[in-house]
Amino acid sequence: MTKDEMETLIKTKTRNKVRIRHLEQREGDSVAFLSYSIDDPNKMTIWHTEVPLSLQHMGIGGKLVEEAVQMAARDSSYLRIVCPFAKEHLASHPELRDRYAVQLQ
């Protein structure tokens, strides 16, 4: 299965009264995910991105970040990024912010 054929799933978990959602990409037994929350109707926070070794260097982490940015542009006004990988990815791909008109906090 190629990275383009992998299905992205959204799962929701509750931790410390905060609903944490995961965008997931699976290949076999390996799961890459990005954790985020909708903090209020206008704000989304990206908390963490994790890609197992078997799925690294395939662009999956960046794809998860881009999907989250698309969701933020569609559903929220502001995007807060705590995740170092997502911050670095957006810093090195400013066209994503421009394309989706996301305001960073």
PDB file of N, CA and C in Angstrom:
ATOM      1  N   MET A   1       0.842  -1.171   0.000  1.00  0.00           N
ATOM      2  CA  MET A   1       0.000   0.000   0.000  1.00  0.00           C
ATOM      3  C   MET A   1       0.892   1.240   0.000  1.00  0.00           C
ATOM      4  N   THR A   2       0.643   2.167  -0.899  1.00  0.00           N
ATOM      5  CA  THR A   2       1.435   3.389  -0.951  1.00  0.00           C
ATOM      6  C   THR A   2       0.867   4.408   0.015  1.00  0.00           C
ATOM      7  N   LYS A   3       1.632   5.467   0.267  1.00  0.00           N
ATOM      8  CA  LYS A   3       1.154   6.489   1.191  1.00  0.00           C
ATOM      9  C   LYS A   3      -0.110   7.153   0.679  1.00  0.00           C
ATOM     10  N   ASP A   4      -0.290   7.240  -0.649  1.00  0.00           N
ATOM     11  CA  ASP A   4      -1.494   7.844  -1.205  1.00  0.00           C
ATOM     12  C   ASP A   4      -2.710   6.944  -1.052  1.00  0.00           C
ATOM     13  N   GLU A   5      -2.494   5.650  -0.891  1.00  0.00           N
ATOM     14  CA  GLU A   5      -3.597   4.703  -0.759  1.00  0.00           C
ATOM     15  C   GLU A   5      -4.008   4.482   0.689  1.00  0.00           C
ATOM     16  N   MET A   6      -3.222   4.991   1.636  1.00  0.00           N
ATOM     17  CA  MET A   6      -3.545   4.779   3.037  1.00  0.00           C
ATOM     18  C   MET A   6      -4.760   5.597   3.431  1.00  0.00           C
ATOM     19  N   GLU A   7      -5.624   4.981   4.166  1.00  0.00           N
ATOM     20  CA  GLU A   7      -6.840   5.644   4.608  1.00  0.00           C
ATOM     21  C   GLU A   7      -6.537   6.471   5.849  1.00  0.00           C
ATOM     22  N   THR A   8      -7.065   7.662   5.891  1.00  0.00           N
ATOM     23  CA  THR A   8      -6.945   8.497   7.077  1.00  0.00           C
ATOM     24  C   THR A   8      -8.201   8.318   7.911  1.00  0.00           C
ATOM     25  N   LEU A   9      -8.016   7.998   9.162  1.00  0.00           N
ATOM     26  CA  LEU A   9      -9.126   7.801  10.085  1.00  0.00           C
ATOM     27  C   LEU A   9      -9.102   8.902  11.127  1.00  0.00           C
ATOM     28  N   ILE A  10     -10.251   9.260  11.633  1.00  0.00           N
ATOM     29  CA  ILE A  10     -10.324  10.214  12.738  1.00  0.00           C
ATOM     30  C   ILE A  10     -10.921   9.477  13.926  1.00  0.00           C
ATOM     31  N   LYS A  11     -10.196   9.494  15.042  1.00  0.00           N
ATOM     32  CA  LYS A  11     -10.671   8.858  16.266  1.00  0.00           C
ATOM     33  C   LYS A  11     -10.684   9.910  17.363  1.00  0.00           C
ATOM     34  N   THR A  12     -11.583   9.760  18.312  1.00  0.00           N
ATOM     35  CA  THR A  12     -11.703  10.719  19.408  1.00  0.00           C
ATOM     36  C   THR A  12     -11.510  10.005  20.736  1.00  0.00           C
ATOM     37  N   LYS A  13     -10.688  10.607  21.609  1.00  0.00           N
ATOM     38  CA  LYS A  13     -10.479  10.101  22.963  1.00  0.00           C
ATOM     39  C   LYS A  13     -10.630  11.286  23.908  1.00  0.00           C
ATOM     40  N   THR A  14     -10.995  11.026  25.144  1.00  0.00           N
ATOM     41  CA  THR A  14     -11.097  12.097  26.131  1.00  0.00           C
ATOM     42  C   THR A  14     -10.015  11.890  27.174  1.00  0.00           C
ATOM     43  N   ARG A  15      -9.206  12.941  27.382  1.00  0.00           N
ATOM     44  CA  ARG A  15      -8.132  12.904  28.369  1.00  0.00           C
ATOM     45  C   ARG A  15      -8.224  14.164  29.210  1.00  0.00           C
ATOM     46  N   ASN A  16      -8.324  14.008  30.516  1.00  0.00           N
ATOM     47  CA  ASN A  16      -8.399  15.161  31.417  1.00  0.00           C
ATOM     48  C   ASN A  16      -9.459  16.161  30.969  1.00  0.00           C
ATOM     49  N   LYS A  17     -10.607  15.651  30.594  1.00  0.00           N
ATOM     50  CA  LYS A  17     -11.763  16.436  30.167  1.00  0.00           C
ATOM     51  C   LYS A  17     -11.544  17.199  28.862  1.00  0.00           C
ATOM     52  N   VAL A  18     -10.471  16.902  28.149  1.00  0.00           N
ATOM     53  CA  VAL A  18     -10.218  17.512  26.842  1.00  0.00           C
ATOM     54  C   VAL A  18     -10.409  16.425  25.796  1.00  0.00           C
ATOM     55  N   ARG A  19     -11.224  16.713  24.799  1.00  0.00           N
ATOM     56  CA  ARG A  19     -11.433  15.735  23.719  1.00  0.00           C
ATOM     57  C   ARG A  19     -10.265  15.817  22.757  1.00  0.00           C
ATOM     58  N   ILE A  20      -9.447  14.789  22.769  1.00  0.00           N
ATOM     59  CA  ILE A  20      -8.300  14.707  21.873  1.00  0.00           C
ATOM     60  C   ILE A  20      -8.708  13.840  20.694  1.00  0.00           C
ATOM     61  N   ARG A  21      -8.514  14.365  19.520  1.00  0.00           N
ATOM     62  CA  ARG A  21      -8.847  13.621  18.310  1.00  0.00           C
ATOM     63  C   ARG A  21      -7.557  13.236  17.611  1.00  0.00           C
ATOM     64  N   HIS A  22      -7.593  12.113  16.930  1.00  0.00           N
ATOM     65  CA  HIS A  22      -6.424  11.643  16.181  1.00  0.00           C
ATOM     66  C   HIS A  22      -6.777  11.522  14.716  1.00  0.00           C
ATOM     67  N   LEU A  23      -5.927  12.079  13.877  1.00  0.00           N
ATOM     68  CA  LEU A  23      -5.919  11.727  12.466  1.00  0.00           C
ATOM     69  C   LEU A  23      -4.954  10.565  12.388  1.00  0.00           C
ATOM     70  N   GLU A  24      -5.350   9.445  11.825  1.00  0.00           N
ATOM     71  CA  GLU A  24      -4.479   8.267  11.772  1.00  0.00           C
ATOM     72  C   GLU A  24      -4.287   7.794  10.344  1.00  0.00           C
ATOM     73  N   GLN A  25      -3.070   7.321  10.081  1.00  0.00           N
ATOM     74  CA  GLN A  25      -2.759   6.642   8.826  1.00  0.00           C
ATOM     75  C   GLN A  25      -2.193   5.287   9.218  1.00  0.00           C
ATOM     76  N   ARG A  26      -2.754   4.228   8.653  1.00  0.00           N
ATOM     77  CA  ARG A  26      -2.326   2.868   8.985  1.00  0.00           C
ATOM     78  C   ARG A  26      -1.724   2.192   7.766  1.00  0.00           C
ATOM     79  N   GLU A  27      -0.693   1.416   8.038  1.00  0.00           N
ATOM     80  CA  GLU A  27      -0.156   0.502   7.030  1.00  0.00           C
ATOM     81  C   GLU A  27       0.231  -0.759   7.773  1.00  0.00           C
ATOM     82  N   GLY A  28      -0.495  -1.831   7.529  1.00  0.00           N
ATOM     83  CA  GLY A  28      -0.259  -3.058   8.282  1.00  0.00           C
ATOM     84  C   GLY A  28      -0.528  -2.811   9.751  1.00  0.00           C
ATOM     85  N   ASP A  29       0.442  -3.170  10.591  1.00  0.00           N
ATOM     86  CA  ASP A  29       0.306  -2.967  12.029  1.00  0.00           C
ATOM     87  C   ASP A  29       0.819  -1.611  12.485  1.00  0.00           C
ATOM     88  N   SER A  30       1.364  -0.815  11.579  1.00  0.00           N
ATOM     89  CA  SER A  30       1.936   0.484  11.934  1.00  0.00           C
ATOM     90  C   SER A  30       0.888   1.587  11.806  1.00  0.00           C
ATOM     91  N   VAL A  31       0.904   2.496  12.780  1.00  0.00           N
ATOM     92  CA  VAL A  31      -0.048   3.608  12.787  1.00  0.00           C
ATOM     93  C   VAL A  31       0.709   4.910  13.015  1.00  0.00           C
ATOM     94  N   ALA A  32       0.546   5.851  12.099  1.00  0.00           N
ATOM     95  CA  ALA A  32       1.047   7.214  12.277  1.00  0.00           C
ATOM     96  C   ALA A  32      -0.151   8.060  12.686  1.00  0.00           C
ATOM     97  N   PHE A  33       0.065   9.035  13.586  1.00  0.00           N
ATOM     98  CA  PHE A  33      -1.083   9.840  14.005  1.00  0.00           C
ATOM     99  C   PHE A  33      -0.684  11.268  14.333  1.00  0.00           C
ATOM    100  N   LEU A  34      -1.677  12.129  14.275  1.00  0.00           N
ATOM    101  CA  LEU A  34      -1.563  13.519  14.689  1.00  0.00           C
ATOM    102  C   LEU A  34      -2.690  13.756  15.685  1.00  0.00           C
ATOM    103  N   SER A  35      -2.343  14.239  16.889  1.00  0.00           N
ATOM    104  CA  SER A  35      -3.339  14.522  17.926  1.00  0.00           C
ATOM    105  C   SER A  35      -3.690  16.000  17.892  1.00  0.00           C
ATOM    106  N   TYR A  36      -4.980  16.292  17.953  1.00  0.00           N
ATOM    107  CA  TYR A  36      -5.428  17.681  17.956  1.00  0.00           C
ATOM    108  C   TYR A  36      -6.695  17.800  18.792  1.00  0.00           C
ATOM    109  N   SER A  37      -7.043  19.022  19.128  1.00  0.00           N
ATOM    110  CA  SER A  37      -8.299  19.278  19.832  1.00  0.00           C
ATOM    111  C   SER A  37      -8.948  20.515  19.235  1.00  0.00           C
ATOM    112  N   ILE A  38     -10.264  20.561  19.353  1.00  0.00           N
ATOM    113  CA  ILE A  38     -11.014  21.754  18.996  1.00  0.00           C
ATOM    114  C   ILE A  38     -11.305  22.432  20.331  1.00  0.00           C
ATOM    115  N   ASP A  39     -10.608  23.530  20.593  1.00  0.00           N
ATOM    116  CA  ASP A  39     -10.662  24.164  21.910  1.00  0.00           C
ATOM    117  C   ASP A  39     -11.895  25.039  22.092  1.00  0.00           C
ATOM    118  N   ASP A  40     -12.352  25.625  21.045  1.00  0.00           N
ATOM    119  CA  ASP A  40     -13.623  26.330  20.996  1.00  0.00           C
ATOM    120  C   ASP A  40     -13.996  26.374  19.520  1.00  0.00           C
ATOM    121  N   PRO A  41     -15.152  26.888  19.176  1.00  0.00           N
ATOM    122  CA  PRO A  41     -15.545  26.816  17.762  1.00  0.00           C
ATOM    123  C   PRO A  41     -14.571  27.495  16.800  1.00  0.00           C
ATOM    124  N   ASN A  42     -13.731  28.378  17.307  1.00  0.00           N
ATOM    125  CA  ASN A  42     -12.822  29.118  16.431  1.00  0.00           C
ATOM    126  C   ASN A  42     -11.364  28.717  16.559  1.00  0.00           C
ATOM    127  N   LYS A  43     -11.046  27.724  17.380  1.00  0.00           N
ATOM    128  CA  LYS A  43      -9.629  27.435  17.627  1.00  0.00           C
ATOM    129  C   LYS A  43      -9.355  25.934  17.664  1.00  0.00           C
ATOM    130  N   MET A  44      -8.330  25.543  16.915  1.00  0.00           N
ATOM    131  CA  MET A  44      -7.872  24.156  16.873  1.00  0.00           C
ATOM    132  C   MET A  44      -6.421  24.133  17.366  1.00  0.00           C
ATOM    133  N   THR A  45      -6.070  23.128  18.159  1.00  0.00           N
ATOM    134  CA  THR A  45      -4.698  22.970  18.636  1.00  0.00           C
ATOM    135  C   THR A  45      -4.142  21.647  18.125  1.00  0.00           C
ATOM    136  N   ILE A  46      -2.954  21.700  17.514  1.00  0.00           N
ATOM    137  CA  ILE A  46      -2.228  20.482  17.133  1.00  0.00           C
ATOM    138  C   ILE A  46      -1.256  20.185  18.271  1.00  0.00           C
ATOM    139  N   TRP A  47      -1.441  19.044  18.922  1.00  0.00           N
ATOM    140  CA  TRP A  47      -0.650  18.687  20.098  1.00  0.00           C
ATOM    141  C   TRP A  47       0.580  17.843  19.772  1.00  0.00           C
ATOM    142  N   HIS A  48       0.434  16.858  18.905  1.00  0.00           N
ATOM    143  CA  HIS A  48       1.520  15.887  18.744  1.00  0.00           C
ATOM    144  C   HIS A  48       1.373  15.159  17.413  1.00  0.00           C
ATOM    145  N   THR A  49       2.494  14.872  16.788  1.00  0.00           N
ATOM    146  CA  THR A  49       2.523  14.036  15.590  1.00  0.00           C
ATOM    147  C   THR A  49       3.511  12.912  15.848  1.00  0.00           C
ATOM    148  N   GLU A  50       3.111  11.695  15.521  1.00  0.00           N
ATOM    149  CA  GLU A  50       4.005  10.552  15.721  1.00  0.00           C
ATOM    150  C   GLU A  50       3.938   9.625  14.511  1.00  0.00           C
ATOM    151  N   VAL A  51       5.113   9.302  13.991  1.00  0.00           N
ATOM    152  CA  VAL A  51       5.219   8.395  12.846  1.00  0.00           C
ATOM    153  C   VAL A  51       6.208   7.302  13.227  1.00  0.00           C
ATOM    154  N   PRO A  52       5.782   6.026  13.231  1.00  0.00           N
ATOM    155  CA  PRO A  52       6.706   4.946  13.580  1.00  0.00           C
ATOM    156  C   PRO A  52       7.838   4.831  12.558  1.00  0.00           C
ATOM    157  N   LEU A  53       8.943   4.255  12.990  1.00  0.00           N
ATOM    158  CA  LEU A  53      10.118   4.121  12.115  1.00  0.00           C
ATOM    159  C   LEU A  53       9.784   3.494  10.774  1.00  0.00           C
ATOM    160  N   SER A  54       8.910   2.503  10.781  1.00  0.00           N
ATOM    161  CA  SER A  54       8.587   1.796   9.534  1.00  0.00           C
ATOM    162  C   SER A  54       7.857   2.674   8.523  1.00  0.00           C
ATOM    163  N   LEU A  55       7.310   3.807   8.963  1.00  0.00           N
ATOM    164  CA  LEU A  55       6.578   4.699   8.060  1.00  0.00           C
ATOM    165  C   LEU A  55       7.276   6.042   7.844  1.00  0.00           C
ATOM    166  N   GLN A  56       8.458   6.213   8.454  1.00  0.00           N
ATOM    167  CA  GLN A  56       9.161   7.491   8.311  1.00  0.00           C
ATOM    168  C   GLN A  56       9.749   7.642   6.917  1.00  0.00           C
ATOM    169  N   HIS A  57      10.000   8.890   6.544  1.00  0.00           N
ATOM    170  CA  HIS A  57      10.602   9.265   5.255  1.00  0.00           C
ATOM    171  C   HIS A  57       9.702   8.914   4.077  1.00  0.00           C
ATOM    172  N   MET A  58       8.393   8.898   4.326  1.00  0.00           N
ATOM    173  CA  MET A  58       7.421   8.654   3.260  1.00  0.00           C
ATOM    174  C   MET A  58       6.500   9.859   3.086  1.00  0.00           C
ATOM    175  N   GLY A  59       6.730  10.913   3.862  1.00  0.00           N
ATOM    176  CA  GLY A  59       5.892  12.108   3.774  1.00  0.00           C
ATOM    177  C   GLY A  59       4.583  12.016   4.540  1.00  0.00           C
ATOM    178  N   ILE A  60       4.444  10.985   5.367  1.00  0.00           N
ATOM    179  CA  ILE A  60       3.182  10.769   6.067  1.00  0.00           C
ATOM    180  C   ILE A  60       2.951  11.824   7.147  1.00  0.00           C
ATOM    181  N   GLY A  61       3.977  12.167   7.910  1.00  0.00           N
ATOM    182  CA  GLY A  61       3.825  13.199   8.941  1.00  0.00           C
ATOM    183  C   GLY A  61       3.382  14.519   8.335  1.00  0.00           C
ATOM    184  N   GLY A  62       4.013  14.898   7.236  1.00  0.00           N
ATOM    185  CA  GLY A  62       3.634  16.134   6.550  1.00  0.00           C
ATOM    186  C   GLY A  62       2.218  16.079   6.019  1.00  0.00           C
ATOM    187  N   LYS A  63       1.813  14.919   5.529  1.00  0.00           N
ATOM    188  CA  LYS A  63       0.449  14.755   5.016  1.00  0.00           C
ATOM    189  C   LYS A  63      -0.564  14.914   6.147  1.00  0.00           C
ATOM    190  N   LEU A  64      -0.258  14.361   7.316  1.00  0.00           N
ATOM    191  CA  LEU A  64      -1.151  14.514   8.462  1.00  0.00           C
ATOM    192  C   LEU A  64      -1.265  15.977   8.872  1.00  0.00           C
ATOM    193  N   VAL A  65      -0.126  16.693   8.880  1.00  0.00           N
ATOM    194  CA  VAL A  65      -0.147  18.122   9.220  1.00  0.00           C
ATOM    195  C   VAL A  65      -0.991  18.878   8.199  1.00  0.00           C
ATOM    196  N   GLU A  66      -0.800  18.581   6.925  1.00  0.00           N
ATOM    197  CA  GLU A  66      -1.568  19.280   5.892  1.00  0.00           C
ATOM    198  C   GLU A  66      -3.067  19.011   6.037  1.00  0.00           C
ATOM    199  N   GLU A  67      -3.445  17.784   6.350  1.00  0.00           N
ATOM    200  CA  GLU A  67      -4.865  17.483   6.557  1.00  0.00           C
ATOM    201  C   GLU A  67      -5.422  18.258   7.746  1.00  0.00           C
ATOM    202  N   ALA A  68      -4.626  18.378   8.817  1.00  0.00           N
ATOM    203  CA  ALA A  68      -5.074  19.144   9.984  1.00  0.00           C
ATOM    204  C   ALA A  68      -5.222  20.623   9.635  1.00  0.00           C
ATOM    205  N   VAL A  69      -4.286  21.159   8.852  1.00  0.00           N
ATOM    206  CA  VAL A  69      -4.364  22.562   8.436  1.00  0.00           C
ATOM    207  C   VAL A  69      -5.614  22.781   7.577  1.00  0.00           C
ATOM    208  N   GLN A  70      -5.906  21.846   6.692  1.00  0.00           N
ATOM    209  CA  GLN A  70      -7.129  21.941   5.878  1.00  0.00           C
ATOM    210  C   GLN A  70      -8.373  21.957   6.765  1.00  0.00           C
ATOM    211  N   MET A  71      -8.390  21.092   7.774  1.00  0.00           N
ATOM    212  CA  MET A  71      -9.527  21.049   8.696  1.00  0.00           C
ATOM    213  C   MET A  71      -9.653  22.365   9.451  1.00  0.00           C
ATOM    214  N   ALA A  72      -8.523  22.909   9.906  1.00  0.00           N
ATOM    215  CA  ALA A  72      -8.549  24.177  10.636  1.00  0.00           C
ATOM    216  C   ALA A  72      -9.068  25.299   9.744  1.00  0.00           C
ATOM    217  N   ALA A  73      -8.645  25.310   8.503  1.00  0.00           N
ATOM    218  CA  ALA A  73      -9.098  26.351   7.576  1.00  0.00           C
ATOM    219  C   ALA A  73     -10.596  26.235   7.317  1.00  0.00           C
ATOM    220  N   ARG A  74     -11.080  25.025   7.272  1.00  0.00           N
ATOM    221  CA  ARG A  74     -12.498  24.796   6.994  1.00  0.00           C
ATOM    222  C   ARG A  74     -13.369  25.051   8.227  1.00  0.00           C
ATOM    223  N   ASP A  75     -12.889  24.628   9.405  1.00  0.00           N
ATOM    224  CA  ASP A  75     -13.742  24.611  10.593  1.00  0.00           C
ATOM    225  C   ASP A  75     -13.392  25.629  11.669  1.00  0.00           C
ATOM    226  N   SER A  76     -12.206  26.205  11.638  1.00  0.00           N
ATOM    227  CA  SER A  76     -11.747  27.088  12.711  1.00  0.00           C
ATOM    228  C   SER A  76     -11.115  28.338  12.122  1.00  0.00           C
ATOM    229  N   SER A  77     -11.024  29.370  12.924  1.00  0.00           N
ATOM    230  CA  SER A  77     -10.377  30.596  12.480  1.00  0.00           C
ATOM    231  C   SER A  77      -8.892  30.612  12.831  1.00  0.00           C
ATOM    232  N   TYR A  78      -8.549  29.991  13.959  1.00  0.00           N
ATOM    233  CA  TYR A  78      -7.181  30.041  14.465  1.00  0.00           C
ATOM    234  C   TYR A  78      -6.624  28.639  14.657  1.00  0.00           C
ATOM    235  N   LEU A  79      -5.322  28.533  14.462  1.00  0.00           N
ATOM    236  CA  LEU A  79      -4.619  27.266  14.645  1.00  0.00           C
ATOM    237  C   LEU A  79      -3.475  27.495  15.619  1.00  0.00           C
ATOM    238  N   ARG A  80      -3.492  26.778  16.724  1.00  0.00           N
ATOM    239  CA  ARG A  80      -2.415  26.826  17.719  1.00  0.00           C
ATOM    240  C   ARG A  80      -1.616  25.547  17.558  1.00  0.00           C
ATOM    241  N   ILE A  81      -0.295  25.668  17.473  1.00  0.00           N
ATOM    242  CA  ILE A  81       0.539  24.486  17.262  1.00  0.00           C
ATOM    243  C   ILE A  81       1.498  24.321  18.432  1.00  0.00           C
ATOM    244  N   VAL A  82       1.357  23.220  19.136  1.00  0.00           N
ATOM    245  CA  VAL A  82       2.245  22.851  20.234  1.00  0.00           C
ATOM    246  C   VAL A  82       3.294  21.867  19.728  1.00  0.00           C
ATOM    247  N   CYS A  83       2.934  21.043  18.779  1.00  0.00           N
ATOM    248  CA  CYS A  83       3.793  19.985  18.241  1.00  0.00           C
ATOM    249  C   CYS A  83       5.008  20.558  17.503  1.00  0.00           C
ATOM    250  N   PRO A  84       6.233  20.213  17.921  1.00  0.00           N
ATOM    251  CA  PRO A  84       7.434  20.721  17.244  1.00  0.00           C
ATOM    252  C   PRO A  84       7.515  20.309  15.772  1.00  0.00           C
ATOM    253  N   PHE A  85       7.108  19.084  15.451  1.00  0.00           N
ATOM    254  CA  PHE A  85       7.169  18.641  14.053  1.00  0.00           C
ATOM    255  C   PHE A  85       6.236  19.482  13.187  1.00  0.00           C
ATOM    256  N   ALA A  86       5.009  19.696  13.656  1.00  0.00           N
ATOM    257  CA  ALA A  86       4.044  20.487  12.879  1.00  0.00           C
ATOM    258  C   ALA A  86       4.532  21.923  12.715  1.00  0.00           C
ATOM    259  N   LYS A  87       5.119  22.503  13.779  1.00  0.00           N
ATOM    260  CA  LYS A  87       5.673  23.866  13.677  1.00  0.00           C
ATOM    261  C   LYS A  87       6.757  23.919  12.610  1.00  0.00           C
ATOM    262  N   GLU A  88       7.664  22.958  12.651  1.00  0.00           N
ATOM    263  CA  GLU A  88       8.768  22.914  11.688  1.00  0.00           C
ATOM    264  C   GLU A  88       8.245  22.696  10.269  1.00  0.00           C
ATOM    265  N   HIS A  89       7.271  21.823  10.133  1.00  0.00           N
ATOM    266  CA  HIS A  89       6.722  21.538   8.801  1.00  0.00           C
ATOM    267  C   HIS A  89       6.079  22.794   8.205  1.00  0.00           C
ATOM    268  N   LEU A  90       5.294  23.511   9.001  1.00  0.00           N
ATOM    269  CA  LEU A  90       4.662  24.731   8.491  1.00  0.00           C
ATOM    270  C   LEU A  90       5.680  25.839   8.244  1.00  0.00           C
ATOM    271  N   ALA A  91       6.736  25.889   9.056  1.00  0.00           N
ATOM    272  CA  ALA A  91       7.782  26.892   8.827  1.00  0.00           C
ATOM    273  C   ALA A  91       8.502  26.633   7.510  1.00  0.00           C
ATOM    274  N   SER A  92       8.684  25.366   7.164  1.00  0.00           N
ATOM    275  CA  SER A  92       9.389  25.042   5.923  1.00  0.00           C
ATOM    276  C   SER A  92       8.450  24.947   4.718  1.00  0.00           C
ATOM    277  N   HIS A  93       7.139  25.060   4.946  1.00  0.00           N
ATOM    278  CA  HIS A  93       6.145  25.037   3.861  1.00  0.00           C
ATOM    279  C   HIS A  93       5.147  26.184   4.050  1.00  0.00           C
ATOM    280  N   PRO A  94       5.608  27.435   3.948  1.00  0.00           N
ATOM    281  CA  PRO A  94       4.696  28.571   4.173  1.00  0.00           C
ATOM    282  C   PRO A  94       3.536  28.610   3.185  1.00  0.00           C
ATOM    283  N   GLU A  95       3.688  27.940   2.052  1.00  0.00           N
ATOM    284  CA  GLU A  95       2.597  27.916   1.070  1.00  0.00           C
ATOM    285  C   GLU A  95       1.343  27.240   1.631  1.00  0.00           C
ATOM    286  N   LEU A  96       1.517  26.350   2.613  1.00  0.00           N
ATOM    287  CA  LEU A  96       0.347  25.717   3.237  1.00  0.00           C
ATOM    288  C   LEU A  96      -0.488  26.747   3.982  1.00  0.00           C
ATOM    289  N   ARG A  97       0.188  27.607   4.746  1.00  0.00           N
ATOM    290  CA  ARG A  97      -0.538  28.660   5.464  1.00  0.00           C
ATOM    291  C   ARG A  97      -1.234  29.586   4.478  1.00  0.00           C
ATOM    292  N   ASP A  98      -0.529  29.927   3.404  1.00  0.00           N
ATOM    293  CA  ASP A  98      -1.100  30.839   2.409  1.00  0.00           C
ATOM    294  C   ASP A  98      -2.268  30.187   1.671  1.00  0.00           C
ATOM    295  N   ARG A  99      -2.102  28.943   1.276  1.00  0.00           N
ATOM    296  CA  ARG A  99      -3.131  28.238   0.500  1.00  0.00           C
ATOM    297  C   ARG A  99      -4.430  28.094   1.281  1.00  0.00           C
ATOM    298  N   TYR A 100      -4.310  27.811   2.573  1.00  0.00           N
ATOM    299  CA  TYR A 100      -5.508  27.556   3.365  1.00  0.00           C
ATOM    300  C   TYR A 100      -5.916  28.738   4.241  1.00  0.00           C
ATOM    301  N   ALA A 101      -5.184  29.841   4.159  1.00  0.00           N
ATOM    302  CA  ALA A 101      -5.518  31.067   4.898  1.00  0.00           C
ATOM    303  C   ALA A 101      -5.735  30.796   6.387  1.00  0.00           C
ATOM    304  N   VAL A 102      -4.807  30.073   6.990  1.00  0.00           N
ATOM    305  CA  VAL A 102      -4.885  29.749   8.411  1.00  0.00           C
ATOM    306  C   VAL A 102      -4.148  30.820   9.198  1.00  0.00           C
ATOM    307  N   GLN A 103      -4.766  31.271  10.287  1.00  0.00           N
ATOM    308  CA  GLN A 103      -4.115  32.223  11.176  1.00  0.00           C
ATOM    309  C   GLN A 103      -3.499  31.444  12.335  1.00  0.00           C
ATOM    310  N   LEU A 104      -2.192  31.605  12.526  1.00  0.00           N
ATOM    311  CA  LEU A 104      -1.509  30.897  13.612  1.00  0.00           C
ATOM    312  C   LEU A 104      -1.562  31.721  14.885  1.00  0.00           C
ATOM    313  N   GLN A 105      -1.688  31.039  16.016  1.00  0.00           N
ATOM    314  CA  GLN A 105      -1.648  31.707  17.315  1.00  0.00           C
ATOM    315  C   GLN A 105      -0.449  31.245  18.075  1.00  0.00           C
TER     316      GLN A 105
END
